[in-house]
Amino acid sequence: MIDRKWGQMILNGEKSIEVRHFKNQQHFGKRVGLCFNGTSRVYGYVTFINNIKFCPRSWIAEQGQHRVLEDTVPYGGKAWGWVCADPEWVGTPFLIHRKVGAQIFQKL
């Protein structure tokens, strides 16, 4: 699940690093579907190809890629960047059955 604003930027190729509070280990190197928060539809696909542990210097250096305008590293300075590759919109978003509760990843 991803906020629509950020998901659209990723799928449009305008944002190539997704910022989260933990390292992406389980889905590293895998193609995943992106669902926007508040929906049960897959809007596109992306492959996560790398993880970046942000420090103040890398946070500023990569700002053009993660597109977050804050000057300090979020999540108490413990943010990770999930580097995205090969973004692809689906022709028609398709419905999935979502689990109940907050979800970051879910098998399709």
N, C-alpha and C. Protein backbone atom coordinates (compact mmCIF):
# COMPACT_ATOMS: atom_id res chain seq x y z
N MET A 1 0.84 -1.17 0.00
CA MET A 1 0.00 0.00 0.00
C MET A 1 0.89 1.24 0.00
N ILE A 2 0.48 2.21 -0.78
CA ILE A 2 1.25 3.43 -0.90
C ILE A 2 0.29 4.61 -1.11
N ASP A 3 0.65 5.73 -0.56
CA ASP A 3 -0.14 6.93 -0.77
C ASP A 3 -0.23 7.21 -2.27
N ARG A 4 -1.41 7.58 -2.74
CA ARG A 4 -1.64 7.81 -4.17
C ARG A 4 -0.62 8.78 -4.78
N LYS A 5 -0.34 9.88 -4.08
CA LYS A 5 0.60 10.88 -4.58
C LYS A 5 1.95 10.24 -4.90
N TRP A 6 2.50 9.48 -3.95
CA TRP A 6 3.81 8.87 -4.15
C TRP A 6 3.75 7.74 -5.17
N GLY A 7 2.70 6.95 -5.13
CA GLY A 7 2.56 5.85 -6.09
C GLY A 7 2.49 6.33 -7.53
N GLN A 8 1.74 7.40 -7.74
CA GLN A 8 1.65 7.96 -9.09
C GLN A 8 3.01 8.48 -9.55
N MET A 9 3.74 9.13 -8.64
CA MET A 9 5.06 9.64 -9.01
C MET A 9 6.01 8.49 -9.36
N ILE A 10 5.93 7.39 -8.62
CA ILE A 10 6.78 6.23 -8.93
C ILE A 10 6.41 5.67 -10.29
N LEU A 11 5.12 5.43 -10.51
CA LEU A 11 4.69 4.83 -11.77
C LEU A 11 4.93 5.74 -12.97
N ASN A 12 4.96 7.05 -12.74
CA ASN A 12 5.26 8.00 -13.83
C ASN A 12 6.76 8.20 -14.04
N GLY A 13 7.59 7.56 -13.19
CA GLY A 13 9.03 7.69 -13.31
C GLY A 13 9.59 8.99 -12.73
N GLU A 14 8.79 9.70 -11.94
CA GLU A 14 9.21 10.96 -11.34
C GLU A 14 9.88 10.77 -9.98
N LYS A 15 9.70 9.61 -9.38
CA LYS A 15 10.24 9.29 -8.05
C LYS A 15 10.81 7.88 -8.15
N SER A 16 12.08 7.71 -7.77
CA SER A 16 12.68 6.39 -7.92
C SER A 16 13.12 5.78 -6.59
N ILE A 17 12.85 6.47 -5.49
CA ILE A 17 13.16 5.93 -4.16
C ILE A 17 11.95 6.11 -3.26
N GLU A 18 11.42 5.01 -2.75
CA GLU A 18 10.32 5.05 -1.79
C GLU A 18 10.93 5.04 -0.39
N VAL A 19 10.46 5.93 0.48
CA VAL A 19 11.01 6.09 1.83
C VAL A 19 10.13 5.34 2.83
N ARG A 20 10.78 4.48 3.60
CA ARG A 20 10.08 3.73 4.65
C ARG A 20 10.95 3.69 5.90
N HIS A 21 10.39 3.18 6.99
CA HIS A 21 11.13 3.15 8.26
C HIS A 21 11.90 1.84 8.47
N PHE A 22 11.90 0.96 7.48
CA PHE A 22 12.62 -0.30 7.62
C PHE A 22 13.20 -0.73 6.27
N LYS A 23 14.18 -1.58 6.33
CA LYS A 23 14.83 -2.11 5.14
C LYS A 23 13.90 -3.10 4.45
N ASN A 24 13.91 -3.08 3.13
CA ASN A 24 13.09 -4.01 2.34
C ASN A 24 13.92 -5.27 2.10
N GLN A 25 13.65 -6.31 2.86
CA GLN A 25 14.39 -7.56 2.70
C GLN A 25 13.56 -8.61 1.96
N GLN A 26 12.31 -8.73 2.32
CA GLN A 26 11.46 -9.80 1.80
C GLN A 26 11.18 -9.63 0.31
N HIS A 27 11.07 -8.41 -0.18
CA HIS A 27 10.67 -8.18 -1.57
C HIS A 27 11.78 -7.56 -2.41
N PHE A 28 13.00 -7.59 -1.89
CA PHE A 28 14.14 -7.06 -2.61
C PHE A 28 14.36 -7.87 -3.90
N GLY A 29 14.48 -7.17 -5.01
CA GLY A 29 14.71 -7.83 -6.29
C GLY A 29 13.47 -8.42 -6.93
N LYS A 30 12.32 -8.18 -6.34
CA LYS A 30 11.08 -8.75 -6.85
C LYS A 30 10.17 -7.67 -7.43
N ARG A 31 9.38 -8.07 -8.40
CA ARG A 31 8.39 -7.19 -9.00
C ARG A 31 7.13 -7.26 -8.14
N VAL A 32 6.62 -6.09 -7.75
CA VAL A 32 5.44 -6.05 -6.87
C VAL A 32 4.39 -5.12 -7.46
N GLY A 33 3.15 -5.38 -7.13
CA GLY A 33 2.05 -4.52 -7.53
C GLY A 33 1.88 -3.38 -6.54
N LEU A 34 1.52 -2.22 -7.03
CA LEU A 34 1.27 -1.07 -6.17
C LEU A 34 -0.22 -0.81 -6.06
N CYS A 35 -0.71 -0.82 -4.82
CA CYS A 35 -2.09 -0.45 -4.51
C CYS A 35 -2.03 0.88 -3.78
N PHE A 36 -2.92 1.78 -4.14
CA PHE A 36 -2.97 3.07 -3.45
C PHE A 36 -3.78 2.92 -2.18
N ASN A 37 -3.37 3.65 -1.13
CA ASN A 37 -4.09 3.62 0.14
C ASN A 37 -5.58 3.90 -0.08
N GLY A 38 -6.41 3.16 0.63
CA GLY A 38 -7.84 3.36 0.55
C GLY A 38 -8.51 2.65 -0.61
N THR A 39 -7.73 1.90 -1.40
CA THR A 39 -8.30 1.17 -2.53
C THR A 39 -7.97 -0.31 -2.39
N SER A 40 -8.58 -1.10 -3.19
CA SER A 40 -8.27 -2.54 -3.27
C SER A 40 -7.92 -2.89 -4.70
N ARG A 41 -7.21 -2.00 -5.36
CA ARG A 41 -6.86 -2.21 -6.77
C ARG A 41 -5.36 -2.05 -6.97
N VAL A 42 -4.81 -2.87 -7.86
CA VAL A 42 -3.42 -2.74 -8.28
C VAL A 42 -3.40 -1.78 -9.47
N TYR A 43 -2.58 -0.74 -9.34
CA TYR A 43 -2.49 0.28 -10.39
C TYR A 43 -1.25 0.14 -11.26
N GLY A 44 -0.27 -0.59 -10.77
CA GLY A 44 0.95 -0.76 -11.55
C GLY A 44 1.93 -1.66 -10.83
N TYR A 45 3.09 -1.79 -11.45
CA TYR A 45 4.15 -2.66 -10.92
C TYR A 45 5.46 -1.91 -10.85
N VAL A 46 6.31 -2.35 -9.93
CA VAL A 46 7.66 -1.82 -9.80
C VAL A 46 8.55 -2.93 -9.25
N THR A 47 9.84 -2.85 -9.51
CA THR A 47 10.82 -3.78 -8.94
C THR A 47 11.71 -3.02 -7.98
N PHE A 48 11.87 -3.53 -6.76
CA PHE A 48 12.76 -2.92 -5.79
C PHE A 48 14.15 -3.52 -5.97
N ILE A 49 15.13 -2.68 -6.36
CA ILE A 49 16.44 -3.20 -6.73
C ILE A 49 17.55 -2.89 -5.73
N ASN A 50 17.28 -2.06 -4.74
CA ASN A 50 18.32 -1.72 -3.79
C ASN A 50 17.69 -1.11 -2.55
N ASN A 51 18.45 -1.09 -1.46
CA ASN A 51 18.07 -0.42 -0.22
C ASN A 51 19.13 0.61 0.10
N ILE A 52 18.71 1.77 0.55
CA ILE A 52 19.64 2.81 0.99
C ILE A 52 19.31 3.15 2.43
N LYS A 53 20.31 3.08 3.30
CA LYS A 53 20.15 3.54 4.69
C LYS A 53 20.51 5.01 4.69
N PHE A 54 19.52 5.86 4.91
CA PHE A 54 19.76 7.29 4.84
C PHE A 54 20.52 7.82 6.05
N CYS A 55 21.44 8.72 5.78
CA CYS A 55 22.09 9.55 6.77
C CYS A 55 21.80 10.98 6.33
N PRO A 56 22.10 11.98 7.13
CA PRO A 56 21.78 13.35 6.71
C PRO A 56 22.35 13.72 5.33
N ARG A 57 23.55 13.28 5.04
CA ARG A 57 24.17 13.62 3.75
C ARG A 57 23.46 12.94 2.59
N SER A 58 23.19 11.63 2.71
CA SER A 58 22.53 10.91 1.60
C SER A 58 21.08 11.36 1.45
N TRP A 59 20.43 11.75 2.56
CA TRP A 59 19.05 12.23 2.49
C TRP A 59 18.95 13.45 1.57
N ILE A 60 19.86 14.39 1.77
CA ILE A 60 19.87 15.60 0.93
C ILE A 60 20.32 15.26 -0.49
N ALA A 61 21.35 14.44 -0.63
CA ALA A 61 21.87 14.09 -1.96
C ALA A 61 20.83 13.38 -2.82
N GLU A 62 19.96 12.58 -2.21
CA GLU A 62 18.97 11.80 -2.95
C GLU A 62 17.59 12.45 -3.00
N GLN A 63 17.49 13.69 -2.55
CA GLN A 63 16.19 14.35 -2.47
C GLN A 63 15.47 14.41 -3.83
N GLY A 64 16.20 14.55 -4.90
CA GLY A 64 15.58 14.56 -6.22
C GLY A 64 15.00 13.22 -6.62
N GLN A 65 15.43 12.15 -5.94
CA GLN A 65 14.92 10.81 -6.24
C GLN A 65 13.79 10.40 -5.29
N HIS A 66 13.89 10.76 -3.99
CA HIS A 66 12.81 10.37 -3.07
C HIS A 66 11.71 11.43 -3.02
N ARG A 67 12.02 12.66 -3.39
CA ARG A 67 11.06 13.75 -3.58
C ARG A 67 10.40 14.26 -2.29
N VAL A 68 10.90 13.85 -1.13
CA VAL A 68 10.38 14.35 0.15
C VAL A 68 11.08 15.67 0.44
N LEU A 69 10.33 16.71 0.74
CA LEU A 69 10.90 18.04 0.87
C LEU A 69 11.46 18.36 2.26
N GLU A 70 11.27 17.48 3.22
CA GLU A 70 11.81 17.70 4.56
C GLU A 70 13.34 17.73 4.50
N ASP A 71 13.95 18.58 5.33
CA ASP A 71 15.41 18.69 5.34
C ASP A 71 16.09 17.66 6.23
N THR A 72 15.33 17.03 7.13
CA THR A 72 15.92 16.05 8.03
C THR A 72 15.38 14.66 7.72
N VAL A 73 16.18 13.66 8.01
CA VAL A 73 15.79 12.27 7.77
C VAL A 73 14.59 11.93 8.66
N PRO A 74 13.51 11.43 8.07
CA PRO A 74 12.32 11.09 8.88
C PRO A 74 12.52 9.83 9.72
N TYR A 75 11.48 9.47 10.44
CA TYR A 75 11.47 8.29 11.30
C TYR A 75 12.60 8.34 12.33
N GLY A 76 12.80 9.51 12.90
CA GLY A 76 13.84 9.66 13.92
C GLY A 76 15.24 9.42 13.39
N GLY A 77 15.44 9.69 12.12
CA GLY A 77 16.76 9.50 11.50
C GLY A 77 17.05 8.07 11.09
N LYS A 78 16.02 7.22 11.10
CA LYS A 78 16.22 5.80 10.79
C LYS A 78 15.44 5.39 9.55
N ALA A 79 15.52 6.20 8.51
CA ALA A 79 14.76 5.92 7.28
C ALA A 79 15.58 5.11 6.29
N TRP A 80 14.86 4.31 5.51
CA TRP A 80 15.45 3.51 4.43
C TRP A 80 14.83 3.95 3.12
N GLY A 81 15.60 3.88 2.08
CA GLY A 81 15.10 4.14 0.74
C GLY A 81 15.05 2.84 -0.04
N TRP A 82 13.90 2.55 -0.62
CA TRP A 82 13.74 1.37 -1.47
C TRP A 82 13.85 1.86 -2.91
N VAL A 83 14.93 1.51 -3.58
CA VAL A 83 15.16 1.98 -4.94
C VAL A 83 14.27 1.20 -5.91
N CYS A 84 13.52 1.94 -6.72
CA CYS A 84 12.54 1.37 -7.63
C CYS A 84 13.08 1.36 -9.06
N ALA A 85 12.72 0.34 -9.80
CA ALA A 85 13.08 0.25 -11.21
C ALA A 85 11.90 -0.29 -12.01
N ASP A 86 11.91 -0.03 -13.29
CA ASP A 86 10.92 -0.56 -14.24
C ASP A 86 9.47 -0.32 -13.83
N PRO A 87 9.11 0.93 -13.50
CA PRO A 87 7.71 1.19 -13.15
C PRO A 87 6.82 0.98 -14.37
N GLU A 88 5.65 0.43 -14.11
CA GLU A 88 4.72 0.14 -15.21
C GLU A 88 3.27 0.25 -14.73
N TRP A 89 2.51 1.15 -15.34
CA TRP A 89 1.07 1.23 -15.07
C TRP A 89 0.39 0.02 -15.69
N VAL A 90 -0.65 -0.49 -15.05
CA VAL A 90 -1.47 -1.51 -15.69
C VAL A 90 -2.51 -0.79 -16.55
N GLY A 91 -2.97 -1.44 -17.61
CA GLY A 91 -3.97 -0.81 -18.47
C GLY A 91 -5.24 -0.47 -17.73
N THR A 92 -5.75 -1.42 -17.00
CA THR A 92 -6.95 -1.22 -16.19
C THR A 92 -6.65 -1.73 -14.79
N PRO A 93 -6.71 -0.87 -13.76
CA PRO A 93 -6.46 -1.34 -12.40
C PRO A 93 -7.39 -2.51 -12.06
N PHE A 94 -6.82 -3.52 -11.40
CA PHE A 94 -7.63 -4.70 -11.08
C PHE A 94 -7.80 -4.87 -9.59
N LEU A 95 -8.95 -5.39 -9.23
CA LEU A 95 -9.36 -5.57 -7.85
C LEU A 95 -8.65 -6.77 -7.22
N ILE A 96 -8.23 -6.59 -5.96
CA ILE A 96 -7.68 -7.70 -5.18
C ILE A 96 -8.49 -7.83 -3.90
N HIS A 97 -8.39 -8.98 -3.27
CA HIS A 97 -9.02 -9.18 -1.96
C HIS A 97 -7.99 -8.79 -0.91
N ARG A 98 -8.27 -7.71 -0.17
CA ARG A 98 -7.33 -7.23 0.84
C ARG A 98 -7.58 -7.86 2.18
N LYS A 99 -6.50 -8.11 2.91
CA LYS A 99 -6.60 -8.54 4.29
C LYS A 99 -7.11 -7.39 5.13
N VAL A 100 -7.69 -7.69 6.27
CA VAL A 100 -8.19 -6.69 7.19
C VAL A 100 -7.01 -6.08 7.94
N GLY A 101 -7.06 -4.77 8.17
CA GLY A 101 -6.03 -4.09 8.95
C GLY A 101 -4.99 -3.44 8.06
N ALA A 102 -4.02 -2.82 8.72
CA ALA A 102 -2.96 -2.11 8.00
C ALA A 102 -2.06 -3.11 7.28
N GLN A 103 -1.78 -2.81 6.02
CA GLN A 103 -0.95 -3.70 5.20
C GLN A 103 0.11 -2.89 4.48
N ILE A 104 1.31 -3.43 4.41
CA ILE A 104 2.34 -2.86 3.56
C ILE A 104 2.49 -3.76 2.34
N PHE A 105 2.60 -5.06 2.59
CA PHE A 105 2.69 -6.04 1.51
C PHE A 105 1.61 -7.09 1.68
N GLN A 106 1.16 -7.61 0.55
CA GLN A 106 0.20 -8.69 0.55
C GLN A 106 0.38 -9.47 -0.73
N LYS A 107 0.37 -10.80 -0.64
CA LYS A 107 0.48 -11.61 -1.85
C LYS A 107 -0.76 -11.43 -2.69
N LEU A 108 -0.54 -11.32 -4.01
CA LEU A 108 -1.67 -11.16 -4.92
C LEU A 108 -2.20 -12.51 -5.35
